[in-house]
N, C-alpha and C. Protein backbone atom coordinates (compact mmCIF):
# COMPACT_ATOMS: atom_id res chain seq x y z
N ARG A 1 70.65 103.42 64.58
CA ARG A 1 71.35 102.63 65.57
C ARG A 1 72.56 102.00 64.90
N LYS A 2 73.69 102.09 65.53
CA LYS A 2 74.93 101.55 65.00
C LYS A 2 75.19 100.18 65.61
N GLU A 3 75.39 99.20 64.75
CA GLU A 3 75.67 97.85 65.24
C GLU A 3 77.15 97.70 65.55
N SER A 4 77.43 96.82 66.49
CA SER A 4 78.82 96.52 66.77
C SER A 4 79.41 95.75 65.60
N SER A 5 80.70 95.76 65.49
CA SER A 5 81.38 95.06 64.40
C SER A 5 81.11 93.56 64.46
N ALA A 6 81.08 92.99 65.66
CA ALA A 6 80.84 91.55 65.81
C ALA A 6 79.43 91.19 65.35
N ALA A 7 78.45 92.00 65.74
CA ALA A 7 77.06 91.74 65.33
C ALA A 7 76.93 91.87 63.82
N SER A 8 77.58 92.83 63.23
CA SER A 8 77.54 93.03 61.79
C SER A 8 78.16 91.84 61.07
N ASP A 9 79.25 91.29 61.58
CA ASP A 9 79.90 90.13 60.98
C ASP A 9 78.99 88.91 61.01
N VAL A 10 78.27 88.71 62.12
CA VAL A 10 77.35 87.57 62.22
C VAL A 10 76.25 87.72 61.18
N TYR A 11 75.72 88.93 61.06
CA TYR A 11 74.66 89.19 60.08
C TYR A 11 75.14 88.89 58.67
N LYS A 12 76.32 89.34 58.32
CA LYS A 12 76.86 89.12 56.98
C LYS A 12 77.03 87.64 56.67
N ARG A 13 77.39 86.84 57.66
CA ARG A 13 77.58 85.40 57.44
C ARG A 13 76.24 84.69 57.24
N GLN A 14 75.14 85.26 57.75
CA GLN A 14 73.84 84.62 57.64
C GLN A 14 73.11 84.97 56.34
N VAL A 15 73.53 85.99 55.66
CA VAL A 15 72.88 86.40 54.41
C VAL A 15 73.52 85.66 53.24
N VAL A 16 72.68 84.98 52.47
CA VAL A 16 73.16 84.25 51.30
C VAL A 16 72.40 84.78 50.09
N PRO A 17 73.07 85.55 49.25
CA PRO A 17 72.38 86.06 48.06
C PRO A 17 72.14 84.95 47.05
N PHE A 18 71.00 85.00 46.38
CA PHE A 18 70.71 84.02 45.34
C PHE A 18 69.68 84.60 44.38
N ALA A 19 69.68 84.07 43.18
CA ALA A 19 68.71 84.51 42.17
C ALA A 19 68.71 83.51 41.02
N GLY A 20 67.59 83.42 40.37
CA GLY A 20 67.51 82.66 39.14
C GLY A 20 67.29 81.18 39.30
N GLU A 21 66.93 80.56 38.20
CA GLU A 21 66.55 79.15 38.23
C GLU A 21 67.72 78.20 38.44
N SER A 22 68.95 78.67 38.33
CA SER A 22 70.09 77.77 38.52
C SER A 22 70.48 77.61 39.99
N ASN A 23 69.91 78.41 40.88
CA ASN A 23 70.24 78.33 42.30
C ASN A 23 69.12 77.61 43.04
N CYS A 24 69.48 76.55 43.76
CA CYS A 24 68.47 75.74 44.44
C CYS A 24 67.68 76.51 45.49
N LEU A 25 68.17 77.64 45.97
CA LEU A 25 67.44 78.43 46.95
C LEU A 25 66.31 79.25 46.33
N SER A 26 66.37 79.45 45.05
CA SER A 26 65.38 80.27 44.35
C SER A 26 64.06 79.53 44.18
N ASN A 27 62.96 80.27 44.25
CA ASN A 27 61.65 79.70 43.96
C ASN A 27 61.53 79.32 42.49
N PHE A 28 62.44 79.83 41.66
CA PHE A 28 62.43 79.54 40.24
C PHE A 28 63.22 78.27 39.90
N TYR A 29 63.88 77.68 40.89
CA TYR A 29 64.68 76.47 40.68
C TYR A 29 63.76 75.33 40.23
N PRO A 30 64.05 74.70 39.08
CA PRO A 30 63.20 73.60 38.62
C PRO A 30 63.36 72.37 39.52
N CYS A 31 62.27 71.96 40.12
CA CYS A 31 62.28 70.79 40.99
C CYS A 31 60.84 70.32 41.16
N GLU A 32 60.68 69.06 41.44
CA GLU A 32 59.34 68.54 41.65
C GLU A 32 58.96 68.67 43.12
N ILE A 33 57.85 69.33 43.37
CA ILE A 33 57.34 69.49 44.74
C ILE A 33 55.90 68.98 44.76
N ASN A 34 55.64 68.01 45.60
CA ASN A 34 54.29 67.49 45.79
C ASN A 34 53.65 68.24 46.96
N ILE A 35 52.67 69.07 46.66
CA ILE A 35 51.98 69.84 47.69
C ILE A 35 50.62 70.25 47.15
N PHE A 36 49.67 70.38 48.04
CA PHE A 36 48.29 70.76 47.69
C PHE A 36 47.66 69.75 46.73
N GLY A 37 48.07 68.49 46.87
CA GLY A 37 47.48 67.43 46.07
C GLY A 37 47.97 67.33 44.64
N LEU A 38 49.02 68.09 44.29
CA LEU A 38 49.55 68.09 42.93
C LEU A 38 51.06 68.10 42.92
N LYS A 39 51.63 67.70 41.77
CA LYS A 39 53.07 67.85 41.55
C LYS A 39 53.27 69.19 40.85
N HIS A 40 54.19 69.99 41.38
CA HIS A 40 54.50 71.28 40.80
C HIS A 40 55.95 71.27 40.31
N ARG A 41 56.24 72.05 39.28
CA ARG A 41 57.58 72.08 38.67
C ARG A 41 58.57 72.96 39.40
N SER A 42 58.08 73.78 40.33
CA SER A 42 58.94 74.65 41.13
C SER A 42 58.11 75.21 42.27
N ALA A 43 58.78 75.84 43.22
CA ALA A 43 58.05 76.52 44.30
C ALA A 43 57.20 77.64 43.73
N GLU A 44 57.70 78.32 42.71
CA GLU A 44 56.95 79.41 42.08
C GLU A 44 55.67 78.90 41.42
N HIS A 45 55.76 77.74 40.76
CA HIS A 45 54.56 77.14 40.18
C HIS A 45 53.51 76.91 41.27
N ALA A 46 53.92 76.33 42.38
CA ALA A 46 52.98 76.02 43.47
C ALA A 46 52.34 77.30 44.01
N TYR A 47 53.14 78.32 44.23
CA TYR A 47 52.66 79.59 44.78
C TYR A 47 51.65 80.25 43.84
N GLN A 48 52.01 80.35 42.57
CA GLN A 48 51.13 81.00 41.61
C GLN A 48 49.86 80.18 41.36
N TYR A 49 49.99 78.87 41.41
CA TYR A 49 48.83 77.99 41.25
C TYR A 49 47.80 78.25 42.35
N VAL A 50 48.26 78.29 43.58
CA VAL A 50 47.33 78.52 44.69
C VAL A 50 46.73 79.92 44.61
N LYS A 51 47.53 80.88 44.21
CA LYS A 51 47.02 82.25 44.02
C LYS A 51 45.84 82.23 43.04
N ALA A 52 46.01 81.56 41.91
CA ALA A 52 44.95 81.50 40.91
C ALA A 52 43.73 80.72 41.43
N MET A 53 43.97 79.60 42.07
CA MET A 53 42.86 78.78 42.58
C MET A 53 42.05 79.54 43.62
N ARG A 54 42.72 80.17 44.57
CA ARG A 54 42.01 80.90 45.62
C ARG A 54 41.29 82.13 45.09
N SER A 55 41.69 82.56 43.92
CA SER A 55 41.04 83.71 43.28
C SER A 55 39.93 83.25 42.33
N GLY A 56 39.76 81.94 42.20
CA GLY A 56 38.72 81.40 41.34
C GLY A 56 39.05 81.44 39.86
N ASP A 57 40.32 81.62 39.53
CA ASP A 57 40.74 81.71 38.13
C ASP A 57 41.28 80.35 37.68
N ILE A 58 40.36 79.42 37.45
CA ILE A 58 40.72 78.05 37.10
C ILE A 58 41.49 77.97 35.78
N PRO A 59 41.09 78.72 34.74
CA PRO A 59 41.86 78.65 33.49
C PRO A 59 43.33 79.04 33.68
N ARG A 60 43.59 80.08 34.45
CA ARG A 60 44.99 80.48 34.66
C ARG A 60 45.70 79.49 35.58
N ALA A 61 44.99 78.92 36.54
CA ALA A 61 45.60 77.89 37.40
C ALA A 61 46.06 76.72 36.54
N THR A 62 45.25 76.35 35.57
CA THR A 62 45.61 75.26 34.66
C THR A 62 46.81 75.64 33.80
N GLU A 63 46.84 76.88 33.33
CA GLU A 63 48.00 77.36 32.55
C GLU A 63 49.27 77.34 33.40
N ILE A 64 49.16 77.78 34.63
CA ILE A 64 50.32 77.81 35.54
C ILE A 64 50.84 76.40 35.74
N GLN A 65 49.93 75.47 35.95
CA GLN A 65 50.32 74.09 36.19
C GLN A 65 51.12 73.51 35.03
N SER A 66 50.80 73.93 33.81
CA SER A 66 51.51 73.38 32.65
C SER A 66 52.60 74.31 32.11
N ALA A 67 52.85 75.42 32.79
CA ALA A 67 53.89 76.36 32.34
C ALA A 67 55.25 75.66 32.32
N LYS A 68 56.02 75.89 31.27
CA LYS A 68 57.32 75.23 31.09
C LYS A 68 58.36 75.67 32.12
N SER A 69 58.29 76.94 32.53
CA SER A 69 59.28 77.45 33.49
C SER A 69 58.59 78.22 34.61
N ALA A 70 59.33 78.44 35.67
CA ALA A 70 58.81 79.23 36.79
C ALA A 70 58.55 80.67 36.37
N LEU A 71 59.39 81.19 35.49
CA LEU A 71 59.17 82.55 35.00
C LEU A 71 57.85 82.63 34.24
N ASP A 72 57.57 81.62 33.42
CA ASP A 72 56.28 81.59 32.72
C ASP A 72 55.12 81.51 33.71
N ALA A 73 55.27 80.69 34.76
CA ALA A 73 54.23 80.57 35.78
C ALA A 73 54.00 81.92 36.47
N LYS A 74 55.08 82.63 36.76
CA LYS A 74 54.96 83.94 37.41
C LYS A 74 54.26 84.95 36.49
N LYS A 75 54.61 84.92 35.20
CA LYS A 75 53.97 85.84 34.25
C LYS A 75 52.47 85.59 34.17
N ILE A 76 52.08 84.35 34.15
CA ILE A 76 50.65 84.00 34.14
C ILE A 76 50.02 84.44 35.47
N GLY A 77 50.69 84.14 36.57
CA GLY A 77 50.18 84.52 37.88
C GLY A 77 50.03 86.02 38.05
N ASN A 78 50.86 86.80 37.38
CA ASN A 78 50.76 88.26 37.46
C ASN A 78 49.46 88.77 36.83
N MET A 79 48.81 87.95 36.03
CA MET A 79 47.54 88.35 35.42
C MET A 79 46.34 88.01 36.32
N VAL A 80 46.60 87.34 37.44
CA VAL A 80 45.54 86.96 38.38
C VAL A 80 45.37 88.06 39.41
N THR A 81 44.12 88.45 39.64
CA THR A 81 43.82 89.40 40.73
C THR A 81 43.73 88.60 42.01
N PRO A 82 44.65 88.83 42.96
CA PRO A 82 44.66 88.02 44.18
C PRO A 82 43.42 88.25 45.03
N SER A 83 42.89 87.17 45.55
CA SER A 83 41.73 87.25 46.45
C SER A 83 42.20 87.59 47.85
N PRO A 84 41.30 88.09 48.70
CA PRO A 84 41.67 88.33 50.11
C PRO A 84 42.15 87.05 50.79
N SER A 85 41.56 85.90 50.43
CA SER A 85 41.98 84.62 51.01
C SER A 85 43.45 84.36 50.73
N PHE A 86 43.89 84.69 49.52
CA PHE A 86 45.29 84.51 49.17
C PHE A 86 46.16 85.55 49.86
N THR A 87 45.80 86.81 49.72
CA THR A 87 46.60 87.91 50.27
C THR A 87 46.80 87.78 51.78
N ASP A 88 45.75 87.41 52.48
CA ASP A 88 45.83 87.30 53.95
C ASP A 88 46.69 86.13 54.41
N ASN A 89 46.92 85.16 53.54
CA ASN A 89 47.63 83.95 53.94
C ASN A 89 48.87 83.65 53.13
N GLN A 90 49.38 84.62 52.38
CA GLN A 90 50.49 84.32 51.48
C GLN A 90 51.80 83.97 52.20
N VAL A 91 52.04 84.52 53.37
CA VAL A 91 53.26 84.16 54.09
C VAL A 91 53.17 82.71 54.58
N THR A 92 52.03 82.33 55.11
CA THR A 92 51.82 80.95 55.56
C THR A 92 51.91 79.99 54.38
N LEU A 93 51.33 80.39 53.27
CA LEU A 93 51.38 79.58 52.06
C LEU A 93 52.81 79.34 51.60
N MET A 94 53.60 80.41 51.52
CA MET A 94 54.99 80.26 51.07
C MET A 94 55.79 79.43 52.08
N THR A 95 55.50 79.59 53.34
CA THR A 95 56.17 78.78 54.37
C THR A 95 55.90 77.29 54.12
N GLU A 96 54.65 76.94 53.84
CA GLU A 96 54.30 75.55 53.56
C GLU A 96 55.05 75.04 52.32
N ILE A 97 55.13 75.87 51.30
CA ILE A 97 55.81 75.47 50.07
C ILE A 97 57.30 75.25 50.32
N ILE A 98 57.93 76.15 51.05
CA ILE A 98 59.36 76.03 51.34
C ILE A 98 59.63 74.81 52.23
N GLU A 99 58.75 74.55 53.18
CA GLU A 99 58.92 73.35 54.01
C GLU A 99 58.80 72.08 53.17
N ALA A 100 57.87 72.07 52.23
CA ALA A 100 57.72 70.91 51.34
C ALA A 100 58.97 70.76 50.47
N LYS A 101 59.47 71.88 49.98
CA LYS A 101 60.69 71.85 49.16
C LYS A 101 61.86 71.31 49.98
N ALA A 102 61.96 71.73 51.23
CA ALA A 102 63.06 71.26 52.09
C ALA A 102 62.98 69.76 52.33
N SER A 103 61.78 69.22 52.43
CA SER A 103 61.66 67.79 52.70
C SER A 103 61.72 66.93 51.43
N GLN A 104 61.56 67.54 50.25
CA GLN A 104 61.48 66.76 49.02
C GLN A 104 62.61 66.99 48.02
N VAL A 105 63.34 68.07 48.19
CA VAL A 105 64.39 68.41 47.22
C VAL A 105 65.75 68.34 47.92
N PRO A 106 66.49 67.25 47.71
CA PRO A 106 67.75 67.05 48.42
C PRO A 106 68.75 68.21 48.28
N SER A 107 68.90 68.77 47.09
CA SER A 107 69.88 69.85 46.91
C SER A 107 69.51 71.07 47.77
N PHE A 108 68.24 71.31 47.93
CA PHE A 108 67.77 72.42 48.76
C PHE A 108 68.03 72.15 50.24
N SER A 109 67.61 70.98 50.71
CA SER A 109 67.79 70.66 52.13
C SER A 109 69.25 70.53 52.50
N GLU A 110 70.08 70.01 51.60
CA GLU A 110 71.52 69.91 51.88
C GLU A 110 72.17 71.30 52.00
N PHE A 111 71.73 72.24 51.17
CA PHE A 111 72.27 73.58 51.23
C PHE A 111 71.92 74.25 52.54
N LEU A 112 70.69 74.02 53.00
CA LEU A 112 70.26 74.61 54.27
C LEU A 112 71.06 74.07 55.42
């Protein structure tokens, strides 16, 4: 299906590329997020922490919580076998994390 030029222009204006810990839109952006009863160092920390907890991997959840960077948290989280509870709800989980980030991290909410 071929889009009209006007529709294509609107789409291009809505897409904002981002990557890495220096961009506030990234899950790797260092920021304090209070969610799930804990303070997390980034959205990625929160996501990987819940993945480990729901999978019953308490030692890795603890490692994720103390990981120095979001990349470290992701590397630890990659060693966790996700449970069905996590897999079935990961979109809802990330939505909750992003909403918490929007309400708690001024640079993120201002950009939005």
